[in-house]
């Protein structure tokens, strides 16, 4: 979902260039009847099928076989690439509540579904806004939002 992480994985940089921006397109989308929960003790989520829930994400086109390979390595063995149908959003609303989303065309695509033990997932929604604010820089190789300072004390 975070463009910076996607670009860091497939291009080795979290920023866009005239080369990579021409090949990859991104469209907001929603995956119905699935739930996105935080993996316990981790910064990232796992998506599982669950009726009555929806996951907001990004529909990405223009990926090469090499890009998919790098994404497979990044996601690891806890996930499997599965075929799903998503609704493209013609207008994106609130990312948490979905209020204001305007759904358009339905497309078949693939996404990474959590296939490890469900007990490893928290029973609440993963907080994308908190991830962007607190963890994005670590996962994208970029700079943190706002200023962060680390103070340490060494007692000899």
Protein backbone atom coordinates (compact mmCIF):
# COMPACT_ATOMS: atom_id res chain seq x y z
CA UNK A 1 0.00 0.00 0.00
CA UNK A 2 2.88 2.40 0.74
CA UNK A 3 4.35 3.50 -2.59
CA UNK A 4 7.70 4.17 -0.90
CA UNK A 5 8.01 0.55 0.25
CA UNK A 6 6.90 -0.81 -3.13
CA UNK A 7 9.49 1.31 -4.94
CA UNK A 8 12.21 0.40 -2.45
CA UNK A 9 11.54 -3.31 -3.04
CA UNK A 10 11.28 -3.26 -6.84
CA UNK A 11 13.54 -0.30 -7.78
CA UNK A 12 15.92 -0.10 -4.82
CA UNK A 13 14.85 3.48 -4.07
CA UNK A 14 11.81 4.93 -2.35
CA UNK A 15 11.54 7.87 -4.74
CA UNK A 16 10.26 8.04 -8.28
CA UNK A 17 12.36 8.65 -11.33
CA UNK A 18 11.53 9.25 -14.96
CA UNK A 19 12.37 5.57 -15.56
CA UNK A 20 10.31 3.78 -12.93
CA UNK A 21 7.31 6.13 -12.96
CA UNK A 22 6.69 5.32 -16.63
CA UNK A 23 6.40 1.58 -16.06
CA UNK A 24 4.35 1.20 -12.88
CA UNK A 25 0.83 2.54 -12.37
CA UNK A 26 -1.12 2.57 -9.11
CA UNK A 27 -4.85 2.92 -8.53
CA UNK A 28 -6.64 2.90 -5.15
CA UNK A 29 -8.73 -0.24 -4.77
CA UNK A 30 -10.77 -2.16 -2.24
CA UNK A 31 -10.81 -5.89 -1.54
CA UNK A 32 -14.12 -6.98 -0.02
CA UNK A 33 -14.62 -9.91 2.34
CA UNK A 34 -11.04 -9.73 3.60
CA UNK A 35 -9.52 -8.38 6.81
CA UNK A 36 -6.10 -6.76 7.39
CA UNK A 37 -4.66 -7.30 10.87
CA UNK A 38 -1.30 -6.47 12.39
CA UNK A 39 1.06 -9.40 12.77
CA UNK A 40 1.81 -9.72 16.49
CA UNK A 41 5.10 -8.05 17.51
CA UNK A 42 5.69 -6.82 13.94
CA UNK A 43 5.27 -3.59 11.98
CA UNK A 44 3.36 -5.14 9.09
CA UNK A 45 -0.09 -6.66 8.45
CA UNK A 46 -1.50 -9.90 7.18
CA UNK A 47 -4.61 -10.07 5.01
CA UNK A 48 -7.00 -12.98 5.41
CA UNK A 49 -10.42 -13.78 3.93
CA UNK A 50 -13.21 -12.70 6.30
CA UNK A 51 -16.82 -11.96 5.35
CA UNK A 52 -18.11 -8.50 6.11
CA UNK A 53 -14.69 -6.80 6.18
CA UNK A 54 -12.89 -4.82 3.48
CA UNK A 55 -9.26 -3.92 2.87
CA UNK A 56 -8.22 -0.71 1.16
CA UNK A 57 -5.12 -1.12 -0.97
CA UNK A 58 -3.48 -0.28 -4.26
CA UNK A 59 -3.94 -1.98 -7.62
CA UNK A 60 -0.53 -1.97 -9.31
CA UNK A 61 0.11 -2.61 -13.00
CA UNK A 62 3.29 -2.72 -15.07
CA UNK A 63 5.23 -5.07 -12.81
CA UNK A 64 7.84 -7.29 -14.47
CA UNK A 65 8.60 -10.92 -13.58
CA UNK A 66 11.67 -9.58 -11.75
CA UNK A 67 9.51 -7.18 -9.74
CA UNK A 68 7.21 -10.03 -8.72
CA UNK A 69 10.24 -12.13 -7.72
CA UNK A 70 11.54 -9.29 -5.51
CA UNK A 71 8.08 -8.84 -3.96
CA UNK A 72 7.86 -12.61 -3.30
CA UNK A 73 11.22 -12.49 -1.51
CA UNK A 74 10.17 -9.41 0.47
CA UNK A 75 6.85 -10.94 1.58
CA UNK A 76 8.44 -14.26 2.53
CA UNK A 77 6.93 -17.65 3.29
CA UNK A 78 4.17 -16.31 5.57
CA UNK A 79 2.22 -15.17 2.50
CA UNK A 80 0.99 -16.73 -0.74
CA UNK A 81 0.13 -14.86 -3.91
CA UNK A 82 -3.57 -15.51 -4.55
CA UNK A 83 -6.01 -14.44 -7.26
CA UNK A 84 -8.73 -12.07 -6.00
CA UNK A 85 -11.21 -9.56 -7.43
CA UNK A 86 -10.90 -5.94 -6.33
CA UNK A 87 -12.99 -2.86 -7.05
CA UNK A 88 -11.02 0.09 -8.36
CA UNK A 89 -11.87 3.31 -6.56
CA UNK A 90 -12.83 6.22 -8.78
CA UNK A 91 -12.78 8.40 -5.67
CA UNK A 92 -11.03 7.42 -2.47
CA UNK A 93 -12.59 8.31 0.86
CA UNK A 94 -11.44 7.68 4.39
CA UNK A 95 -8.85 4.88 4.44
CA UNK A 96 -10.05 3.50 7.78
CA UNK A 97 -13.84 3.73 7.58
CA UNK A 98 -14.27 3.64 3.80
CA UNK A 99 -16.64 6.59 4.05
CA UNK A 100 -16.64 8.44 0.75
CA UNK A 101 -15.21 5.60 -1.35
CA UNK A 102 -16.71 5.46 -4.84
CA UNK A 103 -16.25 2.03 -6.35
CA UNK A 104 -15.82 1.50 -10.07
CA UNK A 105 -14.68 -1.36 -12.26
CA UNK A 106 -14.04 -4.80 -10.78
CA UNK A 107 -10.75 -6.41 -11.87
CA UNK A 108 -9.12 -9.75 -11.25
CA UNK A 109 -5.63 -9.46 -9.80
CA UNK A 110 -3.30 -11.10 -7.31
CA UNK A 111 -2.46 -10.16 -3.75
CA UNK A 112 -0.44 -11.57 -0.89
CA UNK A 113 -2.67 -13.46 1.54
CA UNK A 114 -1.44 -14.42 5.02
CA UNK A 115 -1.05 -18.20 5.09
CA UNK A 116 0.85 -18.62 8.35
CA UNK A 117 -1.04 -19.31 11.59
CA UNK A 118 -3.99 -16.97 12.12
CA UNK A 119 -3.09 -16.90 15.83
CA UNK A 120 -0.09 -14.77 14.85
CA UNK A 121 -2.46 -11.94 13.87
CA UNK A 122 -3.89 -9.38 16.29
CA UNK A 123 -7.66 -9.19 16.53
CA UNK A 124 -7.74 -5.56 15.36
CA UNK A 125 -7.17 -3.62 12.16
CA UNK A 126 -3.59 -2.69 11.23
CA UNK A 127 -3.12 1.08 11.59
CA UNK A 128 -1.76 2.33 8.26
CA UNK A 129 -1.54 5.97 9.43
CA UNK A 130 0.56 4.97 12.45
CA UNK A 131 2.79 2.83 10.21
CA UNK A 132 3.38 5.80 7.87
CA UNK A 133 4.23 8.08 10.77
CA UNK A 134 6.32 5.75 12.91
CA UNK A 135 7.77 2.96 10.73
CA UNK A 136 7.70 3.94 7.04
CA UNK A 137 11.22 5.34 6.98
CA UNK A 138 12.67 2.07 8.26
CA UNK A 139 10.84 0.02 5.61
CA UNK A 140 11.43 2.36 2.68
CA UNK A 141 14.95 3.63 3.25
CA UNK A 142 13.53 7.16 3.42
CA UNK A 143 13.35 9.87 6.02
CA UNK A 144 10.89 9.75 8.92
CA UNK A 145 7.93 12.12 8.91
CA UNK A 146 8.67 15.03 11.22
CA UNK A 147 11.87 15.30 13.19
CA UNK A 148 13.06 12.48 15.37
CA UNK A 149 15.92 12.69 17.80
CA UNK A 150 17.60 9.89 19.70
CA UNK A 151 19.28 10.79 22.96
CA UNK A 152 21.50 8.27 24.67
CA UNK A 153 23.50 8.31 27.83
CA UNK A 154 26.62 6.30 28.44
CA UNK A 155 27.61 5.67 32.01
CA UNK A 156 31.16 4.39 32.28
